[in-house]
Amino acid sequence: MKRETLLNYAKKQFHAEPNYLWNIFPRYAVLRHHDDGDKWFAIVMNVPGTKLGFNDDKEVDILNVKLRPEYIGSLRKKKVFCPLII
């Protein structure tokens, strides 16, 4: 999915406009719940492919999404998901 398609979907479904908060990461887009105290629910980031284990530095868009714990288990089994462990 293209970044623009994702951001348009977030706008349509959740009324979430992207916020670009960091000068050093100008393409990092934060998506917030405006009806829930402006808490963020997703961040779209562009990172070099080598940061994800790929063989080149070509930029890759990734989506970091906050999820309820009960949803995470089934998604981890899919190839395109990579869990963030804190």
N, C-alpha and C. Protein backbone atom coordinates (compact mmCIF):
# COMPACT_ATOMS: atom_id res chain seq x y z
N MET A 1 0.85 -1.18 0.00
CA MET A 1 0.00 0.00 0.00
C MET A 1 0.89 1.24 0.00
N LYS A 2 0.54 2.19 -0.80
CA LYS A 2 1.30 3.44 -0.86
C LYS A 2 0.97 4.32 0.33
N ARG A 3 1.95 5.12 0.71
CA ARG A 3 1.81 6.04 1.83
C ARG A 3 0.56 6.94 1.65
N GLU A 4 0.38 7.49 0.48
CA GLU A 4 -0.74 8.39 0.23
C GLU A 4 -2.08 7.67 0.41
N THR A 5 -2.15 6.43 -0.04
CA THR A 5 -3.36 5.63 0.11
C THR A 5 -3.67 5.41 1.59
N LEU A 6 -2.64 5.08 2.35
CA LEU A 6 -2.81 4.86 3.79
C LEU A 6 -3.27 6.13 4.50
N LEU A 7 -2.64 7.25 4.19
CA LEU A 7 -3.01 8.50 4.85
C LEU A 7 -4.42 8.94 4.45
N ASN A 8 -4.81 8.71 3.21
CA ASN A 8 -6.18 9.01 2.79
C ASN A 8 -7.19 8.13 3.52
N TYR A 9 -6.85 6.86 3.69
CA TYR A 9 -7.72 5.94 4.42
C TYR A 9 -7.88 6.41 5.87
N ALA A 10 -6.79 6.77 6.52
CA ALA A 10 -6.84 7.24 7.91
C ALA A 10 -7.71 8.49 8.03
N LYS A 11 -7.61 9.36 7.04
CA LYS A 11 -8.42 10.58 7.06
C LYS A 11 -9.90 10.24 6.92
N LYS A 12 -10.21 9.36 5.98
CA LYS A 12 -11.61 9.00 5.72
C LYS A 12 -12.22 8.21 6.88
N GLN A 13 -11.51 7.22 7.37
CA GLN A 13 -12.06 6.32 8.40
C GLN A 13 -12.02 6.91 9.81
N PHE A 14 -10.94 7.63 10.12
CA PHE A 14 -10.71 8.07 11.50
C PHE A 14 -10.61 9.58 11.65
N HIS A 15 -10.79 10.32 10.55
CA HIS A 15 -10.66 11.78 10.57
C HIS A 15 -9.30 12.21 11.11
N ALA A 16 -8.29 11.43 10.77
CA ALA A 16 -6.93 11.67 11.27
C ALA A 16 -6.07 12.31 10.19
N GLU A 17 -5.64 13.52 10.46
CA GLU A 17 -4.72 14.22 9.59
C GLU A 17 -3.30 13.92 10.06
N PRO A 18 -2.36 13.70 9.15
CA PRO A 18 -0.99 13.42 9.59
C PRO A 18 -0.34 14.66 10.21
N ASN A 19 0.38 14.45 11.29
CA ASN A 19 1.18 15.50 11.92
C ASN A 19 2.64 15.16 11.68
N TYR A 20 3.40 16.13 11.20
CA TYR A 20 4.83 15.95 10.95
C TYR A 20 5.56 16.73 12.04
N LEU A 21 6.03 16.02 13.06
CA LEU A 21 6.49 16.66 14.28
C LEU A 21 8.00 16.91 14.36
N TRP A 22 8.78 16.19 13.60
CA TRP A 22 10.23 16.23 13.80
C TRP A 22 10.95 16.76 12.57
N ASN A 23 11.73 17.82 12.76
CA ASN A 23 12.51 18.39 11.65
C ASN A 23 13.52 17.40 11.11
N ILE A 24 14.11 16.58 11.96
CA ILE A 24 15.13 15.64 11.47
C ILE A 24 14.50 14.45 10.76
N PHE A 25 13.20 14.23 10.93
CA PHE A 25 12.47 13.17 10.23
C PHE A 25 11.24 13.78 9.57
N PRO A 26 11.43 14.54 8.49
CA PRO A 26 10.33 15.30 7.91
C PRO A 26 9.21 14.46 7.30
N ARG A 27 9.44 13.18 7.02
CA ARG A 27 8.39 12.35 6.42
C ARG A 27 7.70 11.45 7.45
N TYR A 28 8.10 11.51 8.71
CA TYR A 28 7.44 10.73 9.76
C TYR A 28 6.09 11.37 10.06
N ALA A 29 5.01 10.65 9.82
CA ALA A 29 3.66 11.17 9.99
C ALA A 29 2.98 10.48 11.18
N VAL A 30 2.57 11.26 12.15
CA VAL A 30 1.87 10.75 13.33
C VAL A 30 0.37 10.90 13.09
N LEU A 31 -0.37 9.83 13.36
CA LEU A 31 -1.84 9.85 13.24
C LEU A 31 -2.43 9.76 14.63
N ARG A 32 -3.40 10.63 14.90
CA ARG A 32 -3.98 10.74 16.25
C ARG A 32 -5.49 10.56 16.25
N HIS A 33 -5.99 10.07 17.40
CA HIS A 33 -7.43 10.02 17.67
C HIS A 33 -7.84 11.40 18.19
N HIS A 34 -8.54 12.16 17.40
CA HIS A 34 -8.91 13.50 17.84
C HIS A 34 -10.09 13.49 18.81
N ASP A 35 -10.80 12.39 18.89
CA ASP A 35 -11.92 12.31 19.82
C ASP A 35 -11.52 11.62 21.13
N ASP A 36 -10.22 11.32 21.28
CA ASP A 36 -9.75 10.62 22.48
C ASP A 36 -8.50 11.31 23.05
N GLY A 37 -8.59 12.62 23.20
CA GLY A 37 -7.49 13.35 23.80
C GLY A 37 -6.24 13.45 22.94
N ASP A 38 -6.39 13.33 21.64
CA ASP A 38 -5.27 13.43 20.70
C ASP A 38 -4.19 12.38 20.91
N LYS A 39 -4.56 11.22 21.44
CA LYS A 39 -3.59 10.13 21.59
C LYS A 39 -3.24 9.57 20.22
N TRP A 40 -1.98 9.24 20.03
CA TRP A 40 -1.58 8.72 18.72
C TRP A 40 -1.98 7.24 18.62
N PHE A 41 -2.27 6.81 17.39
CA PHE A 41 -2.57 5.40 17.15
C PHE A 41 -1.66 4.80 16.08
N ALA A 42 -0.95 5.65 15.33
CA ALA A 42 -0.05 5.12 14.30
C ALA A 42 0.99 6.16 13.92
N ILE A 43 2.14 5.66 13.47
CA ILE A 43 3.19 6.50 12.91
C ILE A 43 3.65 5.84 11.61
N VAL A 44 3.69 6.64 10.55
CA VAL A 44 4.23 6.18 9.27
C VAL A 44 5.65 6.73 9.19
N MET A 45 6.61 5.83 8.97
CA MET A 45 8.02 6.23 8.94
C MET A 45 8.69 5.68 7.69
N ASN A 46 9.70 6.38 7.23
CA ASN A 46 10.53 5.87 6.15
C ASN A 46 11.91 5.55 6.73
N VAL A 47 12.37 4.33 6.51
CA VAL A 47 13.66 3.89 7.05
C VAL A 47 14.46 3.20 5.95
N PRO A 48 15.79 3.19 6.07
CA PRO A 48 16.61 2.45 5.10
C PRO A 48 16.31 0.96 5.21
N GLY A 49 16.30 0.29 4.07
CA GLY A 49 16.01 -1.14 4.04
C GLY A 49 16.95 -1.96 4.92
N THR A 50 18.19 -1.52 5.06
CA THR A 50 19.14 -2.27 5.89
C THR A 50 18.71 -2.32 7.36
N LYS A 51 17.95 -1.33 7.82
CA LYS A 51 17.44 -1.34 9.20
C LYS A 51 16.44 -2.47 9.42
N LEU A 52 15.88 -2.98 8.32
CA LEU A 52 14.88 -4.05 8.40
C LEU A 52 15.45 -5.40 7.95
N GLY A 53 16.77 -5.43 7.71
CA GLY A 53 17.39 -6.68 7.30
C GLY A 53 17.46 -6.91 5.82
N PHE A 54 17.10 -5.89 5.01
CA PHE A 54 17.21 -6.01 3.56
C PHE A 54 18.64 -5.75 3.12
N ASN A 55 18.96 -6.05 1.88
CA ASN A 55 20.32 -5.93 1.38
C ASN A 55 20.70 -4.55 0.89
N ASP A 56 19.76 -3.61 0.79
CA ASP A 56 20.12 -2.29 0.30
C ASP A 56 19.52 -1.20 1.18
N ASP A 57 19.96 0.03 0.93
CA ASP A 57 19.52 1.18 1.71
C ASP A 57 18.29 1.87 1.15
N LYS A 58 17.65 1.28 0.14
CA LYS A 58 16.45 1.87 -0.44
C LYS A 58 15.42 2.10 0.67
N GLU A 59 14.85 3.30 0.71
CA GLU A 59 13.90 3.62 1.77
C GLU A 59 12.63 2.79 1.67
N VAL A 60 12.15 2.38 2.82
CA VAL A 60 10.94 1.58 2.94
C VAL A 60 10.01 2.30 3.91
N ASP A 61 8.76 2.46 3.53
CA ASP A 61 7.78 3.01 4.46
C ASP A 61 7.29 1.90 5.37
N ILE A 62 7.25 2.20 6.66
CA ILE A 62 6.72 1.24 7.63
C ILE A 62 5.63 1.94 8.44
N LEU A 63 4.75 1.14 8.99
CA LEU A 63 3.65 1.64 9.79
C LEU A 63 3.74 1.02 11.17
N ASN A 64 3.86 1.85 12.18
CA ASN A 64 3.87 1.41 13.57
C ASN A 64 2.48 1.72 14.12
N VAL A 65 1.75 0.68 14.53
CA VAL A 65 0.37 0.84 14.98
C VAL A 65 0.24 0.37 16.42
N LYS A 66 -0.45 1.17 17.23
CA LYS A 66 -0.79 0.74 18.59
C LYS A 66 -1.98 -0.20 18.48
N LEU A 67 -1.86 -1.36 19.10
CA LEU A 67 -2.95 -2.34 19.08
C LEU A 67 -3.22 -2.88 20.46
N ARG A 68 -4.41 -3.35 20.66
CA ARG A 68 -4.73 -4.06 21.89
C ARG A 68 -3.98 -5.39 21.87
N PRO A 69 -3.52 -5.86 23.01
CA PRO A 69 -2.74 -7.10 23.06
C PRO A 69 -3.45 -8.29 22.43
N GLU A 70 -4.75 -8.37 22.52
CA GLU A 70 -5.47 -9.52 21.98
C GLU A 70 -5.42 -9.58 20.45
N TYR A 71 -5.08 -8.48 19.79
CA TYR A 71 -4.98 -8.47 18.32
C TYR A 71 -3.58 -8.79 17.81
N ILE A 72 -2.60 -8.65 18.64
CA ILE A 72 -1.21 -8.78 18.20
C ILE A 72 -0.84 -10.20 17.80
N GLY A 73 -1.27 -11.20 18.56
CA GLY A 73 -0.87 -12.58 18.31
C GLY A 73 -1.17 -13.07 16.91
N SER A 74 -2.36 -12.81 16.41
CA SER A 74 -2.71 -13.30 15.08
C SER A 74 -1.95 -12.55 13.99
N LEU A 75 -1.63 -11.29 14.21
CA LEU A 75 -0.90 -10.53 13.20
C LEU A 75 0.57 -10.95 13.11
N ARG A 76 1.14 -11.36 14.23
CA ARG A 76 2.55 -11.78 14.23
C ARG A 76 2.81 -12.97 13.31
N LYS A 77 1.79 -13.74 13.02
CA LYS A 77 1.94 -14.92 12.17
C LYS A 77 2.03 -14.55 10.69
N LYS A 78 1.69 -13.32 10.35
CA LYS A 78 1.73 -12.89 8.95
C LYS A 78 3.12 -12.38 8.60
N LYS A 79 3.52 -12.63 7.38
CA LYS A 79 4.87 -12.32 6.93
C LYS A 79 5.21 -10.82 6.97
N VAL A 80 4.25 -9.97 6.71
CA VAL A 80 4.54 -8.54 6.60
C VAL A 80 4.55 -7.79 7.93
N PHE A 81 4.33 -8.48 9.04
CA PHE A 81 4.32 -7.84 10.34
C PHE A 81 5.58 -8.18 11.11
N CYS A 82 6.08 -7.16 11.78
CA CYS A 82 7.27 -7.33 12.60
C CYS A 82 6.94 -6.72 13.96
N PRO A 83 6.91 -7.52 15.02
CA PRO A 83 6.55 -6.96 16.32
C PRO A 83 7.65 -6.07 16.88
N LEU A 84 7.25 -5.01 17.55
CA LEU A 84 8.17 -4.13 18.24
C LEU A 84 8.12 -4.54 19.71
N ILE A 85 9.23 -4.96 20.22
CA ILE A 85 9.27 -5.40 21.62
C ILE A 85 9.93 -4.32 22.45
N ILE A 86 9.22 -3.84 23.44
CA ILE A 86 9.75 -2.77 24.30
C ILE A 86 10.06 -3.33 25.66
